[in-house]
Amino acid sequence: MPKLETDREAFSLQIQSMFNAIAPRYDLLNRVLSCGVDRFWRKRAVSRLMLKPGGRYLDIACGTGDVALEYFERPAESPRQVVALDFSEAMLQRAGTKFKDRGRQSALPRVCAAAEALPFADASFDGVSVAFGVRNFADREQGLREMARVLRPGCRAVILEFSLPRQPLLRESYRLYFDRVLPGIGRWVSGHPDAYTYLPESVGVFPEREEFAVMMRNAGFGRVRYREMTLGIVTLYVGIRDE
């Protein structure tokens, strides 16, 4: 299992290997473990970007491409291009199959790279999204700085992340599910012994909402705000690149 306290390079390699291994069952696990609510989370996140018709966008930690495809679900706001970036080749391969099946491959180029070193020029995107990927950054502060760097001034970044509910009883029930039930389901469906033990551990050590909002501000985002969804198990953060 990836150790959250290891050095950053080793951590990144472990996470990359894990996601390569679970890629074939990743979509199924998302549907099962979220009871299908993950679709609603993605739609809400993309809607908060305030898409510009003909714009250029970046989806970081794109996985199998569901968020990137969501950009094209609003014909009146359809972007010119959405770059799908991930450091897992296996995830990008599965995303490519989806893009081809939807006839979107030309508008959805795939890039294999780490979020901490984005291979793009400054101010080259009209919006950036990350869905459940910031927890897996080896260096969160650097990843956030890179997101701000590639955004055009005044444009938005949206981040979806798991969080712990505030209500004590619900919080404990959620932790019980995360710590006891979810790892077993994950191992059974994915065949990977450690991936879904890492998930609850990573959520448990992720910064609390206001702490993460401060990290975004320090990275170059203004007007940072967040909204809890689904009883607080997911939080949607929005930040605007400083002018």
C-alpha atoms as a PDB file:
ATOM      1  CA  MET A   1       0.000   0.000   0.000  1.00  0.00           C
ATOM      2  CA  PRO A   2       1.326   3.506  -0.711  1.00  0.00           C
ATOM      3  CA  LYS A   3       2.773   5.031   2.436  1.00  0.00           C
ATOM      4  CA  LEU A   4       1.630   8.577   2.942  1.00  0.00           C
ATOM      5  CA  GLU A   5       4.783   9.524   4.824  1.00  0.00           C
ATOM      6  CA  THR A   6       7.359   8.390   2.228  1.00  0.00           C
ATOM      7  CA  ASP A   7       9.430  10.760   0.110  1.00  0.00           C
ATOM      8  CA  ARG A   8       7.532  12.437  -2.703  1.00  0.00           C
ATOM      9  CA  GLU A   9       9.129  10.659  -5.645  1.00  0.00           C
ATOM     10  CA  ALA A  10       8.564   7.206  -4.156  1.00  0.00           C
ATOM     11  CA  PHE A  11       4.990   8.128  -3.234  1.00  0.00           C
ATOM     12  CA  SER A  12       4.265   9.315  -6.778  1.00  0.00           C
ATOM     13  CA  LEU A  13       5.622   6.109  -8.300  1.00  0.00           C
ATOM     14  CA  GLN A  14       3.546   3.975  -5.929  1.00  0.00           C
ATOM     15  CA  ILE A  15       0.352   5.862  -6.739  1.00  0.00           C
ATOM     16  CA  GLN A  16       1.070   5.691 -10.465  1.00  0.00           C
ATOM     17  CA  SER A  17       1.569   1.928 -10.272  1.00  0.00           C
ATOM     18  CA  MET A  18      -1.630   1.514  -8.256  1.00  0.00           C
ATOM     19  CA  PHE A  19      -3.775   3.421 -10.749  1.00  0.00           C
ATOM     20  CA  ASN A  20      -2.266   1.557 -13.680  1.00  0.00           C
ATOM     21  CA  ALA A  21      -3.277  -1.684 -11.957  1.00  0.00           C
ATOM     22  CA  ILE A  22      -6.890  -0.738 -11.162  1.00  0.00           C
ATOM     23  CA  ALA A  23      -7.646   1.053 -14.458  1.00  0.00           C
ATOM     24  CA  PRO A  24      -9.646  -1.863 -15.983  1.00  0.00           C
ATOM     25  CA  ARG A  25     -12.186  -1.790 -13.124  1.00  0.00           C
ATOM     26  CA  TYR A  26     -11.965   1.868 -12.198  1.00  0.00           C
ATOM     27  CA  ASP A  27     -15.287   2.996 -13.713  1.00  0.00           C
ATOM     28  CA  LEU A  28     -17.194   0.073 -12.214  1.00  0.00           C
ATOM     29  CA  LEU A  29     -15.758   0.786  -8.786  1.00  0.00           C
ATOM     30  CA  ASN A  30     -16.675   4.463  -9.031  1.00  0.00           C
ATOM     31  CA  ARG A  31     -20.292   3.595  -9.798  1.00  0.00           C
ATOM     32  CA  VAL A  32     -20.525   0.937  -7.085  1.00  0.00           C
ATOM     33  CA  LEU A  33     -18.748   2.786  -4.289  1.00  0.00           C
ATOM     34  CA  SER A  34     -20.583   6.083  -4.891  1.00  0.00           C
ATOM     35  CA  CYS A  35     -23.942   4.471  -5.714  1.00  0.00           C
ATOM     36  CA  GLY A  36     -23.825   6.412  -8.984  1.00  0.00           C
ATOM     37  CA  VAL A  37     -23.698   9.843  -7.302  1.00  0.00           C
ATOM     38  CA  ASP A  38     -20.271  10.529  -8.834  1.00  0.00           C
ATOM     39  CA  ARG A  39     -22.030  11.570 -12.064  1.00  0.00           C
ATOM     40  CA  PHE A  40     -23.841  14.351 -10.212  1.00  0.00           C
ATOM     41  CA  TRP A  41     -20.565  15.526  -8.614  1.00  0.00           C
ATOM     42  CA  ARG A  42     -18.851  15.789 -11.988  1.00  0.00           C
ATOM     43  CA  LYS A  43     -21.726  17.705 -13.563  1.00  0.00           C
ATOM     44  CA  ARG A  44     -21.793  20.184 -10.694  1.00  0.00           C
ATOM     45  CA  ALA A  45     -18.031  20.736 -10.888  1.00  0.00           C
ATOM     46  CA  VAL A  46     -17.979  21.466 -14.623  1.00  0.00           C
ATOM     47  CA  SER A  47     -21.003  23.747 -14.297  1.00  0.00           C
ATOM     48  CA  ARG A  48     -19.061  25.915 -11.832  1.00  0.00           C
ATOM     49  CA  LEU A  49     -16.337  26.621 -14.415  1.00  0.00           C
ATOM     50  CA  MET A  50     -18.649  28.997 -16.301  1.00  0.00           C
ATOM     51  CA  LEU A  51     -17.506  27.615 -19.661  1.00  0.00           C
ATOM     52  CA  LYS A  52     -16.722  29.965 -22.508  1.00  0.00           C
ATOM     53  CA  PRO A  53     -17.782  28.713 -25.956  1.00  0.00           C
ATOM     54  CA  GLY A  54     -14.655  27.879 -27.920  1.00  0.00           C
ATOM     55  CA  GLY A  55     -12.442  27.964 -24.830  1.00  0.00           C
ATOM     56  CA  ARG A  56      -9.478  25.755 -23.985  1.00  0.00           C
ATOM     57  CA  TYR A  57      -9.561  23.755 -20.747  1.00  0.00           C
ATOM     58  CA  LEU A  58      -7.413  21.331 -18.770  1.00  0.00           C
ATOM     59  CA  ASP A  59      -8.634  18.339 -16.776  1.00  0.00           C
ATOM     60  CA  ILE A  60      -5.897  17.163 -14.413  1.00  0.00           C
ATOM     61  CA  ALA A  61      -5.834  13.599 -13.042  1.00  0.00           C
ATOM     62  CA  CYS A  62      -8.431  12.831 -15.690  1.00  0.00           C
ATOM     63  CA  GLY A  63      -8.561   9.091 -15.015  1.00  0.00           C
ATOM     64  CA  THR A  64     -10.722   7.408 -17.624  1.00  0.00           C
ATOM     65  CA  GLY A  65     -12.022  10.708 -18.955  1.00  0.00           C
ATOM     66  CA  ASP A  66     -15.490  11.149 -17.487  1.00  0.00           C
ATOM     67  CA  VAL A  67     -14.961  14.753 -16.363  1.00  0.00           C
ATOM     68  CA  ALA A  68     -13.296  15.708 -19.655  1.00  0.00           C
ATOM     69  CA  LEU A  69     -16.295  14.377 -21.567  1.00  0.00           C
ATOM     70  CA  GLU A  70     -18.662  16.287 -19.271  1.00  0.00           C
ATOM     71  CA  TYR A  71     -17.334  19.537 -20.746  1.00  0.00           C
ATOM     72  CA  PHE A  72     -19.118  18.713 -24.005  1.00  0.00           C
ATOM     73  CA  GLU A  73     -22.542  17.995 -22.492  1.00  0.00           C
ATOM     74  CA  ARG A  74     -23.635  21.636 -22.902  1.00  0.00           C
ATOM     75  CA  PRO A  75     -23.694  22.369 -26.651  1.00  0.00           C
ATOM     76  CA  ALA A  76     -24.118  26.128 -26.224  1.00  0.00           C
ATOM     77  CA  GLU A  77     -20.950  26.272 -24.087  1.00  0.00           C
ATOM     78  CA  SER A  78     -18.940  23.638 -25.947  1.00  0.00           C
ATOM     79  CA  PRO A  79     -15.180  24.272 -25.675  1.00  0.00           C
ATOM     80  CA  ARG A  80     -12.716  24.151 -28.527  1.00  0.00           C
ATOM     81  CA  GLN A  81     -10.408  21.787 -26.674  1.00  0.00           C
ATOM     82  CA  VAL A  82     -10.105  19.967 -23.351  1.00  0.00           C
ATOM     83  CA  VAL A  83      -6.672  18.531 -22.586  1.00  0.00           C
ATOM     84  CA  ALA A  84      -6.960  15.333 -20.523  1.00  0.00           C
ATOM     85  CA  LEU A  85      -3.878  14.889 -18.339  1.00  0.00           C
ATOM     86  CA  ASP A  86      -2.934  11.988 -16.086  1.00  0.00           C
ATOM     87  CA  PHE A  87       0.283  10.312 -14.962  1.00  0.00           C
ATOM     88  CA  SER A  88      -1.196   6.824 -15.482  1.00  0.00           C
ATOM     89  CA  GLU A  89      -0.795   5.519 -19.024  1.00  0.00           C
ATOM     90  CA  ALA A  90      -3.391   2.814 -18.381  1.00  0.00           C
ATOM     91  CA  MET A  91      -5.990   5.392 -17.378  1.00  0.00           C
ATOM     92  CA  LEU A  92      -5.225   7.513 -20.425  1.00  0.00           C
ATOM     93  CA  GLN A  93      -5.601   4.509 -22.711  1.00  0.00           C
ATOM     94  CA  ARG A  94      -9.074   3.839 -21.373  1.00  0.00           C
ATOM     95  CA  ALA A  95      -9.934   7.519 -21.669  1.00  0.00           C
ATOM     96  CA  GLY A  96      -8.817   7.429 -25.292  1.00  0.00           C
ATOM     97  CA  THR A  97     -11.230   4.602 -26.038  1.00  0.00           C
ATOM     98  CA  LYS A  98     -14.111   6.621 -24.568  1.00  0.00           C
ATOM     99  CA  PHE A  99     -13.149   9.730 -26.505  1.00  0.00           C
ATOM    100  CA  LYS A 100     -13.012   7.773 -29.756  1.00  0.00           C
ATOM    101  CA  ASP A 101     -16.382   6.123 -29.073  1.00  0.00           C
ATOM    102  CA  ARG A 102     -17.908   9.584 -28.558  1.00  0.00           C
ATOM    103  CA  GLY A 103     -16.185  11.036 -31.628  1.00  0.00           C
ATOM    104  CA  ARG A 104     -14.297  13.527 -29.452  1.00  0.00           C
ATOM    105  CA  GLN A 105     -10.682  12.411 -29.854  1.00  0.00           C
ATOM    106  CA  SER A 106      -9.642  15.492 -31.845  1.00  0.00           C
ATOM    107  CA  ALA A 107     -11.006  17.853 -29.162  1.00  0.00           C
ATOM    108  CA  LEU A 108      -9.649  15.781 -26.273  1.00  0.00           C
ATOM    109  CA  PRO A 109      -5.888  15.347 -26.597  1.00  0.00           C
ATOM    110  CA  ARG A 110      -4.308  13.196 -23.899  1.00  0.00           C
ATOM    111  CA  VAL A 111      -1.104  14.065 -22.073  1.00  0.00           C
ATOM    112  CA  CYS A 112       0.823  11.837 -19.672  1.00  0.00           C
ATOM    113  CA  ALA A 113       2.438  14.087 -17.066  1.00  0.00           C
ATOM    114  CA  ALA A 114       2.477  14.936 -13.366  1.00  0.00           C
ATOM    115  CA  ALA A 115       0.391  17.776 -11.975  1.00  0.00           C
ATOM    116  CA  GLU A 116       3.453  19.240 -10.278  1.00  0.00           C
ATOM    117  CA  ALA A 117       5.181  19.904 -13.623  1.00  0.00           C
ATOM    118  CA  LEU A 118       2.525  20.746 -16.201  1.00  0.00           C
ATOM    119  CA  PRO A 119       3.999  20.821 -19.735  1.00  0.00           C
ATOM    120  CA  PHE A 120       2.110  23.951 -20.798  1.00  0.00           C
ATOM    121  CA  ALA A 121       2.862  27.641 -21.189  1.00  0.00           C
ATOM    122  CA  ASP A 122       1.774  30.224 -18.654  1.00  0.00           C
ATOM    123  CA  ALA A 123      -1.820  31.473 -18.968  1.00  0.00           C
ATOM    124  CA  SER A 124      -2.770  28.943 -21.639  1.00  0.00           C
ATOM    125  CA  PHE A 125      -6.155  27.676 -20.364  1.00  0.00           C
ATOM    126  CA  ASP A 126      -9.586  29.178 -19.721  1.00  0.00           C
ATOM    127  CA  GLY A 127     -10.282  26.777 -16.870  1.00  0.00           C
ATOM    128  CA  VAL A 128      -8.824  23.823 -14.960  1.00  0.00           C
ATOM    129  CA  SER A 129     -10.556  20.937 -13.210  1.00  0.00           C
ATOM    130  CA  VAL A 130      -9.382  18.191 -10.867  1.00  0.00           C
ATOM    131  CA  ALA A 131     -11.770  15.533  -9.612  1.00  0.00           C
ATOM    132  CA  PHE A 132     -10.521  13.444  -6.690  1.00  0.00           C
ATOM    133  CA  GLY A 133      -6.909  13.833  -7.741  1.00  0.00           C
ATOM    134  CA  VAL A 134      -5.339  16.436  -5.454  1.00  0.00           C
ATOM    135  CA  ARG A 135      -5.040  13.852  -2.669  1.00  0.00           C
ATOM    136  CA  ASN A 136      -2.698  11.942  -4.952  1.00  0.00           C
ATOM    137  CA  PHE A 137      -0.358  14.842  -5.724  1.00  0.00           C
ATOM    138  CA  ALA A 138       3.085  14.162  -4.315  1.00  0.00           C
ATOM    139  CA  ASP A 139       3.357  17.924  -3.635  1.00  0.00           C
ATOM    140  CA  ARG A 140      -0.039  19.600  -3.233  1.00  0.00           C
ATOM    141  CA  GLU A 141       1.297  23.127  -2.953  1.00  0.00           C
ATOM    142  CA  GLN A 142       3.326  22.779  -6.132  1.00  0.00           C
ATOM    143  CA  GLY A 143       0.406  21.196  -7.966  1.00  0.00           C
ATOM    144  CA  LEU A 144      -1.837  24.115  -6.999  1.00  0.00           C
ATOM    145  CA  ARG A 145       0.801  26.637  -8.080  1.00  0.00           C
ATOM    146  CA  GLU A 146       1.047  24.910 -11.448  1.00  0.00           C
ATOM    147  CA  MET A 147      -2.727  25.050 -11.859  1.00  0.00           C
ATOM    148  CA  ALA A 148      -2.672  28.793 -11.203  1.00  0.00           C
ATOM    149  CA  ARG A 149       0.281  29.281 -13.542  1.00  0.00           C
ATOM    150  CA  VAL A 150      -1.384  27.737 -16.603  1.00  0.00           C
ATOM    151  CA  LEU A 151      -4.694  29.545 -16.029  1.00  0.00           C
ATOM    152  CA  ARG A 152      -5.422  32.841 -17.700  1.00  0.00           C
ATOM    153  CA  PRO A 153      -5.944  35.675 -15.193  1.00  0.00           C
ATOM    154  CA  GLY A 154      -9.528  35.866 -14.030  1.00  0.00           C
ATOM    155  CA  CYS A 155     -10.278  32.244 -15.015  1.00  0.00           C
ATOM    156  CA  ARG A 156     -11.449  29.478 -12.705  1.00  0.00           C
ATOM    157  CA  ALA A 157     -10.185  26.240 -11.238  1.00  0.00           C
ATOM    158  CA  VAL A 158     -12.602  23.715  -9.736  1.00  0.00           C
ATOM    159  CA  ILE A 159     -11.513  20.911  -7.445  1.00  0.00           C
ATOM    160  CA  LEU A 160     -13.608  18.019  -6.201  1.00  0.00           C
ATOM    161  CA  GLU A 161     -12.305  16.130  -3.184  1.00  0.00           C
ATOM    162  CA  PHE A 162     -13.588  13.674  -0.642  1.00  0.00           C
ATOM    163  CA  SER A 163     -14.050  15.100   2.836  1.00  0.00           C
ATOM    164  CA  LEU A 164     -15.280  14.007   6.239  1.00  0.00           C
ATOM    165  CA  PRO A 165     -18.810  15.026   7.251  1.00  0.00           C
ATOM    166  CA  ARG A 166     -19.032  17.625  10.020  1.00  0.00           C
ATOM    167  CA  GLN A 167     -21.911  16.016  11.922  1.00  0.00           C
ATOM    168  CA  PRO A 168     -20.263  13.719  14.521  1.00  0.00           C
ATOM    169  CA  LEU A 169     -22.543  10.691  14.186  1.00  0.00           C
ATOM    170  CA  LEU A 170     -22.510  10.843  10.409  1.00  0.00           C
ATOM    171  CA  ARG A 171     -18.748  11.337  10.467  1.00  0.00           C
ATOM    172  CA  GLU A 172     -18.238   8.191  12.530  1.00  0.00           C
ATOM    173  CA  SER A 173     -20.612   6.159  10.366  1.00  0.00           C
ATOM    174  CA  TYR A 174     -18.799   7.353   7.261  1.00  0.00           C
ATOM    175  CA  ARG A 175     -15.417   6.448   8.737  1.00  0.00           C
ATOM    176  CA  LEU A 176     -16.731   2.990   9.584  1.00  0.00           C
ATOM    177  CA  TYR A 177     -17.832   2.504   5.972  1.00  0.00           C
ATOM    178  CA  PHE A 178     -14.567   3.887   4.625  1.00  0.00           C
ATOM    179  CA  ASP A 179     -12.342   1.903   6.984  1.00  0.00           C
ATOM    180  CA  ARG A 180     -14.177  -1.427   7.109  1.00  0.00           C
ATOM    181  CA  VAL A 181     -16.567  -1.836   4.173  1.00  0.00           C
ATOM    182  CA  LEU A 182     -15.016   0.053   1.259  1.00  0.00           C
ATOM    183  CA  PRO A 183     -11.604  -1.697   1.302  1.00  0.00           C
ATOM    184  CA  GLY A 184     -13.245  -5.112   1.082  1.00  0.00           C
ATOM    185  CA  ILE A 185     -15.465  -4.124  -1.838  1.00  0.00           C
ATOM    186  CA  GLY A 186     -12.519  -2.477  -3.566  1.00  0.00           C
ATOM    187  CA  ARG A 187     -10.307  -5.555  -3.224  1.00  0.00           C
ATOM    188  CA  TRP A 188     -13.083  -7.839  -4.447  1.00  0.00           C
ATOM    189  CA  VAL A 189     -13.961  -5.803  -7.546  1.00  0.00           C
ATOM    190  CA  SER A 190     -10.509  -4.519  -8.515  1.00  0.00           C
ATOM    191  CA  GLY A 191      -8.403  -7.479  -7.515  1.00  0.00           C
ATOM    192  CA  HIS A 192      -5.852  -5.049  -6.056  1.00  0.00           C
ATOM    193  CA  PRO A 193      -4.908  -5.778  -2.421  1.00  0.00           C
ATOM    194  CA  ASP A 194      -4.116  -2.236  -1.309  1.00  0.00           C
ATOM    195  CA  ALA A 195      -5.712   0.422  -3.506  1.00  0.00           C
ATOM    196  CA  TYR A 196      -8.932   0.823  -1.539  1.00  0.00           C
ATOM    197  CA  THR A 197      -7.189   0.733   1.789  1.00  0.00           C
ATOM    198  CA  TYR A 198      -5.150   3.715   0.633  1.00  0.00           C
ATOM    199  CA  LEU A 199      -8.314   5.684  -0.256  1.00  0.00           C
ATOM    200  CA  PRO A 200      -9.722   6.112   3.281  1.00  0.00           C
ATOM    201  CA  GLU A 201      -6.239   6.726   4.652  1.00  0.00           C
ATOM    202  CA  SER A 202      -5.647   9.527   2.155  1.00  0.00           C
ATOM    203  CA  VAL A 203      -9.015  11.141   2.921  1.00  0.00           C
ATOM    204  CA  GLY A 204      -8.243  11.023   6.632  1.00  0.00           C
ATOM    205  CA  VAL A 205      -5.023  13.027   6.260  1.00  0.00           C
ATOM    206  CA  PHE A 206      -6.282  15.504   3.642  1.00  0.00           C
ATOM    207  CA  PRO A 207      -6.465  19.118   4.906  1.00  0.00           C
ATOM    208  CA  GLU A 208      -9.763  20.279   6.347  1.00  0.00           C
ATOM    209  CA  ARG A 209     -11.841  22.513   4.084  1.00  0.00           C
ATOM    210  CA  GLU A 210     -10.692  25.926   5.276  1.00  0.00           C
ATOM    211  CA  GLU A 211      -7.073  24.776   5.474  1.00  0.00           C
ATOM    212  CA  PHE A 212      -7.204  23.634   1.864  1.00  0.00           C
ATOM    213  CA  ALA A 213      -8.872  26.897   0.829  1.00  0.00           C
ATOM    214  CA  VAL A 214      -5.918  28.743   2.394  1.00  0.00           C
ATOM    215  CA  MET A 215      -3.541  26.551   0.378  1.00  0.00           C
ATOM    216  CA  MET A 216      -5.379  27.593  -2.778  1.00  0.00           C
ATOM    217  CA  ARG A 217      -5.117  31.269  -1.856  1.00  0.00           C
ATOM    218  CA  ASN A 218      -1.396  30.918  -1.175  1.00  0.00           C
ATOM    219  CA  ALA A 219      -0.952  29.274  -4.579  1.00  0.00           C
ATOM    220  CA  GLY A 220      -2.351  32.275  -6.458  1.00  0.00           C
ATOM    221  CA  PHE A 221      -6.134  31.879  -6.366  1.00  0.00           C
ATOM    222  CA  GLY A 222      -8.476  34.629  -5.256  1.00  0.00           C
ATOM    223  CA  ARG A 223     -12.136  34.518  -4.225  1.00  0.00           C
ATOM    224  CA  VAL A 224     -11.711  30.917  -3.073  1.00  0.00           C
ATOM    225  CA  ARG A 225     -14.887  29.313  -1.810  1.00  0.00           C
ATOM    226  CA  TYR A 226     -16.151  25.828  -1.220  1.00  0.00           C
ATOM    227  CA  ARG A 227     -19.421  23.969  -1.008  1.00  0.00           C
ATOM    228  CA  GLU A 228     -20.142  20.677   0.705  1.00  0.00           C
ATOM    229  CA  MET A 229     -22.158  18.085  -1.198  1.00  0.00           C
ATOM    230  CA  THR A 230     -23.894  14.814  -0.321  1.00  0.00           C
ATOM    231  CA  LEU A 231     -23.919  15.410   3.452  1.00  0.00           C
ATOM    232  CA  GLY A 232     -20.330  16.600   3.412  1.00  0.00           C
ATOM    233  CA  ILE A 233     -18.617  13.513   2.018  1.00  0.00           C
ATOM    234  CA  VAL A 234     -17.476  15.567  -0.985  1.00  0.00           C
ATOM    235  CA  THR A 235     -16.414  19.202  -1.169  1.00  0.00           C
ATOM    236  CA  LEU A 236     -16.319  21.359  -4.300  1.00  0.00           C
ATOM    237  CA  TYR A 237     -13.695  24.121  -4.234  1.00  0.00           C
ATOM    238  CA  VAL A 238     -13.654  27.046  -6.670  1.00  0.00           C
ATOM    239  CA  GLY A 239     -10.810  29.532  -7.076  1.00  0.00           C
ATOM    240  CA  ILE A 240     -10.167  32.333  -9.561  1.00  0.00           C
ATOM    241  CA  ARG A 241      -6.662  33.013 -10.845  1.00  0.00           C
ATOM    242  CA  ASP A 242      -5.513  36.347  -9.494  1.00  0.00           C
ATOM    243  CA  GLU A 243      -5.441  39.147 -12.051  1.00  0.00           C
END
